[in-house]
Amino acid sequence: MSTLAILPVKSFASAKQRLAGSLGAEARQTLAVAMFTDVLDSLRHVPRLDEVVVVTAERAAQAAANTRGVRVLPDGAEAGQSEAALIGIGHALAGGHDRVVLVPGDTPLLQPGDLESLIAGRPRSPAVAIVPDRHGTGTNALVLSPPDVIEPSFGPDSLARHVAAAEEAGVVHRVERVRTLALDVDTPGDLSELVAELELRPGQAPATRRALSQLDHAGGPSARVRQASA
């Protein structure tokens, strides 16, 4: 089966507003860029992916994708993650892909082997796999076969919506917990959890690790992040 990974990316300047109490605007932007870079690099090393696309209007994300030979699909409306995902799904259908994997840009702990296993374990279409966030309410990844088997509906409580959509469509579906996809960074609590995980995972998420270690935020998470060798 031909599989396309879709990575929607919003404007870095407006990213991570819920971290404003912990990080300044420049630091939030730096962190968003770093997390996106780590996710993109992980996707490029998943053997079962036939293509990766980034859906964005963000120039820095476009530049990073172009440098890595990754196709960029313009997101002119910037209407949100679900709408950006639909742009990628349209590209998948036009290109004859049998399956898509939707992954957010703020899950820097993602490991290629974990995503490879998730894709390999899917039954033939039609089928849906839903990867929940660490709270068990949101969705941090979707595997859709065919690409338009259900319509993505990200945001608060999206796990329940995606399960309901799969049930309504009458297709095989599973909720698959993937630890390295469980942590997306939106709140100070998420950021603290990320720092703790990085301390236990030397060498992983190198761009995010560097960004956090360089943040000038006295007493904040950057003070506890150590640069670790692979």
C-alpha atoms as a PDB file:
ATOM      1  CA  MET A   1       0.000   0.000   0.000  1.00  0.00           C
ATOM      2  CA  SER A   2       1.258   3.462  -0.861  1.00  0.00           C
ATOM      3  CA  THR A   3       1.369   5.638   2.253  1.00  0.00           C
ATOM      4  CA  LEU A   4       1.625   9.422   2.543  1.00  0.00           C
ATOM      5  CA  ALA A   5       2.487  11.253   5.773  1.00  0.00           C
ATOM      6  CA  ILE A   6       0.846  14.653   6.234  1.00  0.00           C
ATOM      7  CA  LEU A   7       2.381  17.191   8.608  1.00  0.00           C
ATOM      8  CA  PRO A   8       0.233  20.331   9.036  1.00  0.00           C
ATOM      9  CA  VAL A   9       2.081  23.347  10.453  1.00  0.00           C
ATOM     10  CA  LYS A  10       0.575  26.617  11.624  1.00  0.00           C
ATOM     11  CA  SER A  11       2.387  29.937  11.777  1.00  0.00           C
ATOM     12  CA  PHE A  12       5.278  29.697  14.218  1.00  0.00           C
ATOM     13  CA  ALA A  13       4.738  33.284  15.316  1.00  0.00           C
ATOM     14  CA  SER A  14       1.292  32.417  16.682  1.00  0.00           C
ATOM     15  CA  ALA A  15       2.179  28.970  17.995  1.00  0.00           C
ATOM     16  CA  LYS A  16       1.934  27.780  21.578  1.00  0.00           C
ATOM     17  CA  GLN A  17      -0.020  30.685  23.042  1.00  0.00           C
ATOM     18  CA  ARG A  18      -0.870  28.653  26.130  1.00  0.00           C
ATOM     19  CA  LEU A  19       2.830  28.651  27.002  1.00  0.00           C
ATOM     20  CA  ALA A  20       2.887  32.447  27.225  1.00  0.00           C
ATOM     21  CA  GLY A  21       3.042  32.339  31.016  1.00  0.00           C
ATOM     22  CA  SER A  22       6.204  30.242  30.873  1.00  0.00           C
ATOM     23  CA  LEU A  23       7.967  31.364  27.699  1.00  0.00           C
ATOM     24  CA  GLY A  24       8.243  34.650  25.811  1.00  0.00           C
ATOM     25  CA  ALA A  25       7.108  34.990  22.205  1.00  0.00           C
ATOM     26  CA  GLU A  26      10.561  34.439  20.704  1.00  0.00           C
ATOM     27  CA  ALA A  27      11.176  31.391  22.878  1.00  0.00           C
ATOM     28  CA  ARG A  28       7.804  29.896  21.921  1.00  0.00           C
ATOM     29  CA  GLN A  29       8.593  30.380  18.254  1.00  0.00           C
ATOM     30  CA  THR A  30      12.042  28.836  18.659  1.00  0.00           C
ATOM     31  CA  LEU A  31      10.533  25.826  20.414  1.00  0.00           C
ATOM     32  CA  ALA A  32       7.819  25.375  17.766  1.00  0.00           C
ATOM     33  CA  VAL A  33      10.407  25.406  14.969  1.00  0.00           C
ATOM     34  CA  ALA A  34      12.582  22.880  16.796  1.00  0.00           C
ATOM     35  CA  MET A  35       9.736  20.467  17.516  1.00  0.00           C
ATOM     36  CA  PHE A  36       8.568  20.620  13.902  1.00  0.00           C
ATOM     37  CA  THR A  37      12.115  19.904  12.725  1.00  0.00           C
ATOM     38  CA  ASP A  38      12.402  16.825  14.928  1.00  0.00           C
ATOM     39  CA  VAL A  39       9.031  15.471  13.777  1.00  0.00           C
ATOM     40  CA  LEU A  40       9.882  16.071  10.123  1.00  0.00           C
ATOM     41  CA  ASP A  41      13.252  14.353  10.468  1.00  0.00           C
ATOM     42  CA  SER A  42      11.611  11.359  12.140  1.00  0.00           C
ATOM     43  CA  LEU A  43       9.033  11.038   9.355  1.00  0.00           C
ATOM     44  CA  ARG A  44      11.794  11.045   6.739  1.00  0.00           C
ATOM     45  CA  HIS A  45      13.277   7.931   8.348  1.00  0.00           C
ATOM     46  CA  VAL A  46      10.118   5.778   8.348  1.00  0.00           C
ATOM     47  CA  PRO A  47      10.711   3.146   5.631  1.00  0.00           C
ATOM     48  CA  ARG A  48       7.024   2.410   5.052  1.00  0.00           C
ATOM     49  CA  LEU A  49       6.250   6.022   4.111  1.00  0.00           C
ATOM     50  CA  ASP A  50       6.304   6.578   0.356  1.00  0.00           C
ATOM     51  CA  GLU A  51       6.012  10.361   0.619  1.00  0.00           C
ATOM     52  CA  VAL A  52       5.938  13.105   3.252  1.00  0.00           C
ATOM     53  CA  VAL A  53       4.227  16.453   2.730  1.00  0.00           C
ATOM     54  CA  VAL A  54       4.144  19.579   4.886  1.00  0.00           C
ATOM     55  CA  VAL A  55       0.978  21.682   4.699  1.00  0.00           C
ATOM     56  CA  THR A  56       1.758  25.236   5.725  1.00  0.00           C
ATOM     57  CA  ALA A  57       1.940  28.940   4.955  1.00  0.00           C
ATOM     58  CA  GLU A  58       4.891  29.342   7.321  1.00  0.00           C
ATOM     59  CA  ARG A  59       8.050  30.315   5.436  1.00  0.00           C
ATOM     60  CA  ALA A  60      10.429  28.821   7.987  1.00  0.00           C
ATOM     61  CA  ALA A  61       8.628  25.470   7.743  1.00  0.00           C
ATOM     62  CA  GLN A  62       8.704  25.689   3.942  1.00  0.00           C
ATOM     63  CA  ALA A  63      12.446  26.345   4.019  1.00  0.00           C
ATOM     64  CA  ALA A  64      13.107  23.419   6.359  1.00  0.00           C
ATOM     65  CA  ALA A  65      11.017  21.103   4.194  1.00  0.00           C
ATOM     66  CA  ASN A  66      12.680  22.271   0.969  1.00  0.00           C
ATOM     67  CA  THR A  67      16.128  21.738   2.456  1.00  0.00           C
ATOM     68  CA  ARG A  68      15.165  18.140   3.182  1.00  0.00           C
ATOM     69  CA  GLY A  69      13.562  17.511  -0.191  1.00  0.00           C
ATOM     70  CA  VAL A  70      10.054  17.340   1.293  1.00  0.00           C
ATOM     71  CA  ARG A  71       7.108  18.614  -0.741  1.00  0.00           C
ATOM     72  CA  VAL A  72       5.226  21.637   0.633  1.00  0.00           C
ATOM     73  CA  LEU A  73       1.499  22.127   0.039  1.00  0.00           C
ATOM     74  CA  PRO A  74       0.396  25.750   0.538  1.00  0.00           C
ATOM     75  CA  ASP A  75      -2.176  26.411   3.247  1.00  0.00           C
ATOM     76  CA  GLY A  76      -3.632  29.674   1.999  1.00  0.00           C
ATOM     77  CA  ALA A  77      -6.622  29.774   4.338  1.00  0.00           C
ATOM     78  CA  GLU A  78      -4.773  28.785   7.548  1.00  0.00           C
ATOM     79  CA  ALA A  79      -8.127  27.638   8.924  1.00  0.00           C
ATOM     80  CA  GLY A  80      -6.748  25.066  11.349  1.00  0.00           C
ATOM     81  CA  GLN A  81      -5.244  21.588  11.637  1.00  0.00           C
ATOM     82  CA  SER A  82      -8.280  19.708  10.325  1.00  0.00           C
ATOM     83  CA  GLU A  83      -8.579  21.909   7.252  1.00  0.00           C
ATOM     84  CA  ALA A  84      -4.847  21.662   6.582  1.00  0.00           C
ATOM     85  CA  ALA A  85      -5.129  17.882   6.870  1.00  0.00           C
ATOM     86  CA  LEU A  86      -7.801  17.914   4.172  1.00  0.00           C
ATOM     87  CA  ILE A  87      -5.373  19.663   1.821  1.00  0.00           C
ATOM     88  CA  GLY A  88      -2.947  16.807   2.358  1.00  0.00           C
ATOM     89  CA  ILE A  89      -5.685  14.222   1.903  1.00  0.00           C
ATOM     90  CA  GLY A  90      -6.653  15.812  -1.404  1.00  0.00           C
ATOM     91  CA  HIS A  91      -3.030  15.513  -2.516  1.00  0.00           C
ATOM     92  CA  ALA A  92      -2.973  11.855  -1.450  1.00  0.00           C
ATOM     93  CA  LEU A  93      -6.099  11.039  -3.443  1.00  0.00           C
ATOM     94  CA  ALA A  94      -4.822  12.864  -6.517  1.00  0.00           C
ATOM     95  CA  GLY A  95      -1.515  11.029  -6.277  1.00  0.00           C
ATOM     96  CA  GLY A  96      -3.029   7.586  -5.907  1.00  0.00           C
ATOM     97  CA  HIS A  97      -1.943   6.942  -2.328  1.00  0.00           C
ATOM     98  CA  ASP A  98      -3.866   4.194  -0.543  1.00  0.00           C
ATOM     99  CA  ARG A  99      -3.327   5.482   2.978  1.00  0.00           C
ATOM    100  CA  VAL A 100      -2.390   8.613   4.914  1.00  0.00           C
ATOM    101  CA  VAL A 101      -0.798   9.191   8.288  1.00  0.00           C
ATOM    102  CA  LEU A 102      -1.615  12.515   9.930  1.00  0.00           C
ATOM    103  CA  VAL A 103       0.945  13.657  12.502  1.00  0.00           C
ATOM    104  CA  PRO A 104       1.162  16.986  14.391  1.00  0.00           C
ATOM    105  CA  GLY A 105       4.313  19.073  14.489  1.00  0.00           C
ATOM    106  CA  ASP A 106       4.569  19.257  18.281  1.00  0.00           C
ATOM    107  CA  THR A 107       5.312  15.616  19.135  1.00  0.00           C
ATOM    108  CA  PRO A 108       9.126  15.773  19.083  1.00  0.00           C
ATOM    109  CA  LEU A 109       9.620  12.451  20.887  1.00  0.00           C
ATOM    110  CA  LEU A 110       8.273  10.564  17.861  1.00  0.00           C
ATOM    111  CA  GLN A 111      10.549   7.703  16.859  1.00  0.00           C
ATOM    112  CA  PRO A 112      10.560   6.329  13.295  1.00  0.00           C
ATOM    113  CA  GLY A 113      10.330   2.724  14.488  1.00  0.00           C
ATOM    114  CA  ASP A 114       7.173   3.417  16.477  1.00  0.00           C
ATOM    115  CA  LEU A 115       5.428   4.952  13.493  1.00  0.00           C
ATOM    116  CA  GLU A 116       6.653   2.138  11.247  1.00  0.00           C
ATOM    117  CA  SER A 117       5.095  -0.395  13.633  1.00  0.00           C
ATOM    118  CA  LEU A 118       1.846   1.554  13.762  1.00  0.00           C
ATOM    119  CA  ILE A 119       1.562   1.567   9.977  1.00  0.00           C
ATOM    120  CA  ALA A 120       2.643  -2.058   9.573  1.00  0.00           C
ATOM    121  CA  GLY A 121       0.038  -3.267  12.036  1.00  0.00           C
ATOM    122  CA  ARG A 122      -2.917  -1.855  10.108  1.00  0.00           C
ATOM    123  CA  PRO A 123      -5.379  -4.165   8.361  1.00  0.00           C
ATOM    124  CA  ARG A 124      -6.172  -3.521   4.731  1.00  0.00           C
ATOM    125  CA  SER A 125      -8.660  -0.760   3.960  1.00  0.00           C
ATOM    126  CA  PRO A 126     -11.083   0.487   4.884  1.00  0.00           C
ATOM    127  CA  ALA A 127      -9.618   1.062   8.311  1.00  0.00           C
ATOM    128  CA  VAL A 128      -8.797   3.787  10.854  1.00  0.00           C
ATOM    129  CA  ALA A 129      -6.183   3.925  13.617  1.00  0.00           C
ATOM    130  CA  ILE A 130      -6.442   6.676  16.202  1.00  0.00           C
ATOM    131  CA  VAL A 131      -3.489   7.554  18.438  1.00  0.00           C
ATOM    132  CA  PRO A 132      -4.610   9.413  21.584  1.00  0.00           C
ATOM    133  CA  ASP A 133      -2.700  12.080  23.478  1.00  0.00           C
ATOM    134  CA  ARG A 134      -1.402  11.367  26.955  1.00  0.00           C
ATOM    135  CA  HIS A 135      -4.664  12.608  28.493  1.00  0.00           C
ATOM    136  CA  GLY A 136      -6.741  10.145  26.486  1.00  0.00           C
ATOM    137  CA  THR A 137      -9.037  12.786  25.010  1.00  0.00           C
ATOM    138  CA  GLY A 138      -7.215  14.339  22.061  1.00  0.00           C
ATOM    139  CA  THR A 139      -5.799  12.795  18.881  1.00  0.00           C
ATOM    140  CA  ASN A 140      -2.075  12.897  18.133  1.00  0.00           C
ATOM    141  CA  ALA A 141      -2.098  10.801  14.966  1.00  0.00           C
ATOM    142  CA  LEU A 142      -4.525   9.262  12.510  1.00  0.00           C
ATOM    143  CA  VAL A 143      -3.950   6.455  10.035  1.00  0.00           C
ATOM    144  CA  LEU A 144      -6.657   6.523   7.359  1.00  0.00           C
ATOM    145  CA  SER A 145      -7.077   3.898   4.671  1.00  0.00           C
ATOM    146  CA  PRO A 146      -8.283   4.983   2.181  1.00  0.00           C
ATOM    147  CA  PRO A 147      -7.260   8.607   2.816  1.00  0.00           C
ATOM    148  CA  ASP A 148     -10.854   9.866   2.875  1.00  0.00           C
ATOM    149  CA  VAL A 149     -12.354   7.008   4.906  1.00  0.00           C
ATOM    150  CA  ILE A 150     -13.346   9.589   7.559  1.00  0.00           C
ATOM    151  CA  GLU A 151     -12.888  13.349   7.812  1.00  0.00           C
ATOM    152  CA  PRO A 152     -10.340  14.527  10.405  1.00  0.00           C
ATOM    153  CA  SER A 153     -11.715  16.571  13.292  1.00  0.00           C
ATOM    154  CA  PHE A 154      -8.832  17.637  15.518  1.00  0.00           C
ATOM    155  CA  GLY A 155      -9.081  19.778  18.633  1.00  0.00           C
ATOM    156  CA  PRO A 156     -10.387  19.209  22.186  1.00  0.00           C
ATOM    157  CA  ASP A 157     -12.066  15.818  22.686  1.00  0.00           C
ATOM    158  CA  SER A 158     -11.199  14.753  19.150  1.00  0.00           C
ATOM    159  CA  LEU A 159     -10.576  11.130  20.144  1.00  0.00           C
ATOM    160  CA  ALA A 160     -14.277  10.570  20.766  1.00  0.00           C
ATOM    161  CA  ARG A 161     -15.194  12.318  17.509  1.00  0.00           C
ATOM    162  CA  HIS A 162     -12.827  10.196  15.464  1.00  0.00           C
ATOM    163  CA  VAL A 163     -14.084   6.975  17.062  1.00  0.00           C
ATOM    164  CA  ALA A 164     -17.670   8.056  16.374  1.00  0.00           C
ATOM    165  CA  ALA A 165     -16.835   8.929  12.770  1.00  0.00           C
ATOM    166  CA  ALA A 166     -15.263   5.511  12.194  1.00  0.00           C
ATOM    167  CA  GLU A 167     -18.253   3.765  13.763  1.00  0.00           C
ATOM    168  CA  GLU A 168     -20.636   5.780  11.613  1.00  0.00           C
ATOM    169  CA  ALA A 169     -18.625   4.874   8.522  1.00  0.00           C
ATOM    170  CA  GLY A 170     -18.787   1.203   9.534  1.00  0.00           C
ATOM    171  CA  VAL A 171     -15.050   0.594   9.175  1.00  0.00           C
ATOM    172  CA  VAL A 172     -12.496  -1.304  11.220  1.00  0.00           C
ATOM    173  CA  HIS A 173     -10.993   1.053  13.775  1.00  0.00           C
ATOM    174  CA  ARG A 174      -8.675   0.882  16.773  1.00  0.00           C
ATOM    175  CA  VAL A 175      -7.347   3.245  19.395  1.00  0.00           C
ATOM    176  CA  GLU A 176      -3.596   2.630  19.391  1.00  0.00           C
ATOM    177  CA  ARG A 177      -1.447   4.029  22.197  1.00  0.00           C
ATOM    178  CA  VAL A 178       2.021   5.031  21.011  1.00  0.00           C
ATOM    179  CA  ARG A 179       4.148   6.440  23.801  1.00  0.00           C
ATOM    180  CA  THR A 180       6.398   8.591  21.623  1.00  0.00           C
ATOM    181  CA  LEU A 181       3.324  10.171  20.019  1.00  0.00           C
ATOM    182  CA  ALA A 182       1.412  10.684  23.266  1.00  0.00           C
ATOM    183  CA  LEU A 183       3.081  13.937  24.309  1.00  0.00           C
ATOM    184  CA  ASP A 184       2.153  17.042  22.352  1.00  0.00           C
ATOM    185  CA  VAL A 185       3.289  20.320  23.863  1.00  0.00           C
ATOM    186  CA  ASP A 186       0.552  22.897  24.458  1.00  0.00           C
ATOM    187  CA  THR A 187       0.641  23.755  28.159  1.00  0.00           C
ATOM    188  CA  PRO A 188       3.291  24.377  30.849  1.00  0.00           C
ATOM    189  CA  GLY A 189       2.492  20.916  32.196  1.00  0.00           C
ATOM    190  CA  ASP A 190       3.206  19.388  28.801  1.00  0.00           C
ATOM    191  CA  LEU A 191       6.463  21.308  28.609  1.00  0.00           C
ATOM    192  CA  SER A 192       7.564  20.044  32.010  1.00  0.00           C
ATOM    193  CA  GLU A 193       6.703  16.501  30.954  1.00  0.00           C
ATOM    194  CA  LEU A 194       8.743  16.966  27.771  1.00  0.00           C
ATOM    195  CA  VAL A 195      11.770  18.136  29.753  1.00  0.00           C
ATOM    196  CA  ALA A 196      11.464  15.106  32.046  1.00  0.00           C
ATOM    197  CA  GLU A 197      11.210  12.735  29.080  1.00  0.00           C
ATOM    198  CA  LEU A 198      14.237  14.289  27.372  1.00  0.00           C
ATOM    199  CA  GLU A 199      16.294  13.748  30.488  1.00  0.00           C
ATOM    200  CA  LEU A 200      15.463  10.034  30.211  1.00  0.00           C
ATOM    201  CA  ARG A 201      16.076   9.821  26.444  1.00  0.00           C
ATOM    202  CA  PRO A 202      19.631  10.947  25.607  1.00  0.00           C
ATOM    203  CA  GLY A 203      20.073  11.794  21.956  1.00  0.00           C
ATOM    204  CA  GLN A 204      16.384  11.938  21.064  1.00  0.00           C
ATOM    205  CA  ALA A 205      14.700  15.066  19.675  1.00  0.00           C
ATOM    206  CA  PRO A 206      18.022  16.871  19.152  1.00  0.00           C
ATOM    207  CA  ALA A 207      16.586  20.131  17.775  1.00  0.00           C
ATOM    208  CA  THR A 208      14.077  20.407  20.615  1.00  0.00           C
ATOM    209  CA  ARG A 209      16.755  19.574  23.133  1.00  0.00           C
ATOM    210  CA  ARG A 210      19.013  22.319  21.790  1.00  0.00           C
ATOM    211  CA  ALA A 211      16.191  24.864  21.759  1.00  0.00           C
ATOM    212  CA  LEU A 212      15.236  24.161  25.351  1.00  0.00           C
ATOM    213  CA  SER A 213      18.824  24.192  26.557  1.00  0.00           C
ATOM    214  CA  GLN A 214      19.340  27.621  24.999  1.00  0.00           C
ATOM    215  CA  LEU A 215      16.221  29.279  26.363  1.00  0.00           C
ATOM    216  CA  ASP A 216      17.067  32.169  28.642  1.00  0.00           C
ATOM    217  CA  HIS A 217      14.295  31.475  31.140  1.00  0.00           C
ATOM    218  CA  ALA A 218      15.666  31.512  34.663  1.00  0.00           C
ATOM    219  CA  GLY A 219      14.079  28.886  36.854  1.00  0.00           C
ATOM    220  CA  GLY A 220      12.122  27.494  33.944  1.00  0.00           C
ATOM    221  CA  PRO A 221      12.455  24.247  31.999  1.00  0.00           C
ATOM    222  CA  SER A 222      15.594  25.351  30.178  1.00  0.00           C
ATOM    223  CA  ALA A 223      17.505  25.335  33.439  1.00  0.00           C
ATOM    224  CA  ARG A 224      16.917  21.579  33.747  1.00  0.00           C
ATOM    225  CA  VAL A 225      17.533  20.475  30.186  1.00  0.00           C
ATOM    226  CA  ARG A 226      20.970  19.029  29.536  1.00  0.00           C
ATOM    227  CA  GLN A 227      22.586  18.583  26.177  1.00  0.00           C
ATOM    228  CA  ALA A 228      23.080  14.858  25.791  1.00  0.00           C
ATOM    229  CA  SER A 229      25.075  12.987  23.214  1.00  0.00           C
ATOM    230  CA  ALA A 230      23.486  10.341  21.048  1.00  0.00           C
END
